[in-house]
């Protein structure tokens, strides 16, 4: 059998999820409604999903990239 090729995942630095403006911290990502404001949801092509509790919100057709 042929060997499987591993997918390369895009690494996201924690600094990319926040912006600082006028000494105020702004969070860019979407939070999980079940887990609370400390858990970001992963952004996929067609959905947002939480890695902690597996909660998923599907994007609307106009919202997809």
N, C-alpha and C. Protein backbone atom coordinates (compact mmCIF):
# COMPACT_ATOMS: atom_id res chain seq x y z
N UNK A 1 0.82 -1.19 0.00
CA UNK A 1 0.00 0.00 0.00
C UNK A 1 0.87 1.25 0.00
N UNK A 2 0.35 2.29 -0.56
CA UNK A 2 1.05 3.57 -0.59
C UNK A 2 0.92 4.28 0.76
N UNK A 3 1.93 5.04 1.10
CA UNK A 3 1.90 5.79 2.35
C UNK A 3 0.96 6.98 2.22
N UNK A 4 0.28 7.27 3.31
CA UNK A 4 -0.59 8.44 3.35
C UNK A 4 0.23 9.69 3.56
N UNK A 5 -0.17 10.76 2.93
CA UNK A 5 0.51 12.04 3.15
C UNK A 5 -0.23 12.80 4.24
N UNK A 6 0.56 13.41 5.13
CA UNK A 6 -0.04 14.17 6.22
C UNK A 6 -0.41 15.56 5.74
N UNK A 7 -1.53 16.07 6.25
CA UNK A 7 -1.95 17.43 5.94
C UNK A 7 -1.16 18.40 6.80
N UNK A 8 -0.81 19.52 6.23
CA UNK A 8 -0.13 20.57 6.98
C UNK A 8 -1.17 21.56 7.47
N UNK A 9 -1.22 21.74 8.77
CA UNK A 9 -2.18 22.65 9.38
C UNK A 9 -1.57 24.03 9.50
N UNK A 10 -2.40 25.03 9.32
CA UNK A 10 -1.96 26.41 9.45
C UNK A 10 -1.86 26.75 10.94
N UNK A 11 -0.70 27.18 11.36
CA UNK A 11 -0.49 27.55 12.75
C UNK A 11 -0.91 28.99 12.96
N UNK A 12 -1.71 29.23 13.99
CA UNK A 12 -2.17 30.56 14.31
C UNK A 12 -1.56 30.97 15.64
N UNK A 13 -0.89 32.11 15.63
CA UNK A 13 -0.31 32.62 16.87
C UNK A 13 -1.39 33.27 17.70
N UNK A 14 -1.24 33.22 19.01
CA UNK A 14 -2.25 33.79 19.89
C UNK A 14 -2.39 35.29 19.71
N UNK A 15 -1.32 35.94 19.28
CA UNK A 15 -1.37 37.38 19.07
C UNK A 15 -2.26 37.78 17.90
N UNK A 16 -2.55 36.86 16.99
CA UNK A 16 -3.40 37.16 15.84
C UNK A 16 -4.89 37.19 16.21
N UNK A 17 -5.25 36.70 17.38
CA UNK A 17 -6.64 36.67 17.80
C UNK A 17 -7.06 37.90 18.59
N UNK A 18 -6.10 38.81 18.85
CA UNK A 18 -6.37 40.01 19.63
C UNK A 18 -5.82 41.23 18.94
N UNK A 19 -6.42 42.38 19.21
CA UNK A 19 -5.88 43.66 18.77
C UNK A 19 -5.84 44.59 19.99
N UNK A 20 -4.86 45.46 20.00
CA UNK A 20 -4.74 46.44 21.08
C UNK A 20 -4.88 47.82 20.46
N UNK A 21 -5.85 48.57 20.97
CA UNK A 21 -6.10 49.92 20.47
C UNK A 21 -6.43 50.82 21.65
N UNK A 22 -5.66 51.89 21.78
CA UNK A 22 -5.85 52.84 22.87
C UNK A 22 -5.86 52.15 24.24
N UNK A 23 -4.87 51.29 24.47
CA UNK A 23 -4.70 50.52 25.71
C UNK A 23 -5.94 49.69 26.06
N UNK A 24 -6.65 49.24 25.04
CA UNK A 24 -7.83 48.40 25.22
C UNK A 24 -7.67 47.14 24.38
N UNK A 25 -7.91 46.00 24.98
CA UNK A 25 -7.76 44.72 24.30
C UNK A 25 -9.07 44.33 23.63
N UNK A 26 -9.01 44.03 22.34
CA UNK A 26 -10.20 43.65 21.57
C UNK A 26 -10.00 42.24 21.04
N UNK A 27 -10.96 41.36 21.27
CA UNK A 27 -10.87 39.98 20.79
C UNK A 27 -11.52 39.88 19.42
N UNK A 28 -10.82 39.25 18.45
CA UNK A 28 -11.32 39.17 17.08
C UNK A 28 -12.25 37.98 16.85
N UNK A 29 -11.96 36.86 17.48
CA UNK A 29 -12.68 35.63 17.20
C UNK A 29 -14.05 35.56 17.84
N UNK A 30 -14.79 34.53 17.45
CA UNK A 30 -16.12 34.29 17.99
C UNK A 30 -16.00 33.34 19.19
N UNK A 31 -16.80 33.57 20.22
CA UNK A 31 -16.75 32.74 21.41
C UNK A 31 -17.86 31.69 21.40
N UNK A 32 -17.62 30.60 22.10
CA UNK A 32 -18.62 29.54 22.22
C UNK A 32 -19.70 29.98 23.20
N UNK A 33 -20.98 29.89 22.82
CA UNK A 33 -22.05 30.30 23.74
C UNK A 33 -22.22 29.32 24.91
N UNK A 34 -21.82 28.08 24.75
CA UNK A 34 -21.95 27.10 25.84
C UNK A 34 -20.79 27.20 26.84
N UNK A 35 -19.56 27.34 26.33
CA UNK A 35 -18.37 27.33 27.19
C UNK A 35 -18.10 28.67 27.84
N UNK A 36 -18.51 29.75 27.22
CA UNK A 36 -18.31 31.07 27.80
C UNK A 36 -17.32 31.90 27.01
N UNK A 37 -16.96 33.05 27.58
CA UNK A 37 -16.18 34.03 26.85
C UNK A 37 -14.69 33.70 26.77
N UNK A 38 -14.22 32.63 27.38
CA UNK A 38 -12.80 32.30 27.34
C UNK A 38 -12.42 31.33 26.26
N UNK A 39 -13.39 30.77 25.54
CA UNK A 39 -13.11 29.72 24.56
C UNK A 39 -13.48 30.21 23.16
N UNK A 40 -12.46 30.32 22.29
CA UNK A 40 -12.69 30.71 20.91
C UNK A 40 -13.26 29.54 20.11
N UNK A 41 -14.05 29.87 19.10
CA UNK A 41 -14.54 28.87 18.17
C UNK A 41 -13.66 28.88 16.93
N UNK A 42 -13.38 27.69 16.40
CA UNK A 42 -12.56 27.58 15.19
C UNK A 42 -13.39 28.00 13.99
N UNK A 43 -12.76 28.70 13.06
CA UNK A 43 -13.47 29.15 11.86
C UNK A 43 -13.11 28.25 10.69
N UNK A 44 -14.10 27.56 10.17
CA UNK A 44 -13.92 26.70 9.01
C UNK A 44 -14.57 27.36 7.80
N UNK A 45 -14.50 26.71 6.67
CA UNK A 45 -15.06 27.27 5.43
C UNK A 45 -16.57 27.46 5.52
N UNK A 46 -17.26 26.50 6.13
CA UNK A 46 -18.72 26.53 6.15
C UNK A 46 -19.33 26.55 7.55
N UNK A 47 -18.50 26.66 8.59
CA UNK A 47 -19.04 26.59 9.95
C UNK A 47 -18.04 27.17 10.96
N UNK A 48 -18.56 27.43 12.19
CA UNK A 48 -17.75 27.75 13.36
C UNK A 48 -17.93 26.58 14.31
N UNK A 49 -16.85 26.06 14.89
CA UNK A 49 -16.98 24.93 15.80
C UNK A 49 -16.11 25.12 17.02
N UNK A 50 -16.60 24.61 18.15
CA UNK A 50 -15.88 24.67 19.42
C UNK A 50 -15.11 23.37 19.60
N UNK A 51 -13.83 23.45 19.93
CA UNK A 51 -13.03 22.26 20.14
C UNK A 51 -13.24 21.64 21.50
N UNK A 52 -13.80 22.39 22.45
CA UNK A 52 -13.99 21.89 23.80
C UNK A 52 -15.28 21.08 23.94
N UNK A 53 -16.40 21.62 23.46
CA UNK A 53 -17.70 20.95 23.66
C UNK A 53 -18.33 20.47 22.36
N UNK A 54 -17.68 20.68 21.21
CA UNK A 54 -18.15 20.25 19.89
C UNK A 54 -19.40 20.98 19.42
N UNK A 55 -19.67 22.15 19.97
CA UNK A 55 -20.80 22.96 19.51
C UNK A 55 -20.47 23.51 18.12
N UNK A 56 -21.44 23.48 17.20
CA UNK A 56 -21.22 23.92 15.83
C UNK A 56 -22.31 24.88 15.39
N UNK A 57 -21.90 25.97 14.74
CA UNK A 57 -22.83 26.90 14.11
C UNK A 57 -22.50 26.92 12.63
N UNK A 58 -23.47 26.70 11.79
CA UNK A 58 -23.27 26.70 10.34
C UNK A 58 -23.38 28.11 9.81
N UNK A 59 -22.53 28.47 8.86
CA UNK A 59 -22.54 29.78 8.25
C UNK A 59 -23.64 29.85 7.18
N UNK A 60 -24.16 31.04 6.99
CA UNK A 60 -25.13 31.26 5.92
C UNK A 60 -24.40 31.32 4.60
N UNK A 61 -25.09 31.17 3.49
CA UNK A 61 -24.43 31.14 2.18
C UNK A 61 -23.70 32.44 1.87
N UNK A 62 -24.21 33.57 2.25
CA UNK A 62 -23.55 34.84 2.00
C UNK A 62 -22.34 35.07 2.90
N UNK A 63 -22.25 34.34 4.00
CA UNK A 63 -21.18 34.50 4.98
C UNK A 63 -19.95 33.67 4.64
N UNK A 64 -20.10 32.64 3.81
CA UNK A 64 -19.00 31.72 3.51
C UNK A 64 -17.94 32.38 2.67
N UNK A 65 -16.69 31.93 2.85
CA UNK A 65 -15.56 32.46 2.09
C UNK A 65 -15.28 31.60 0.89
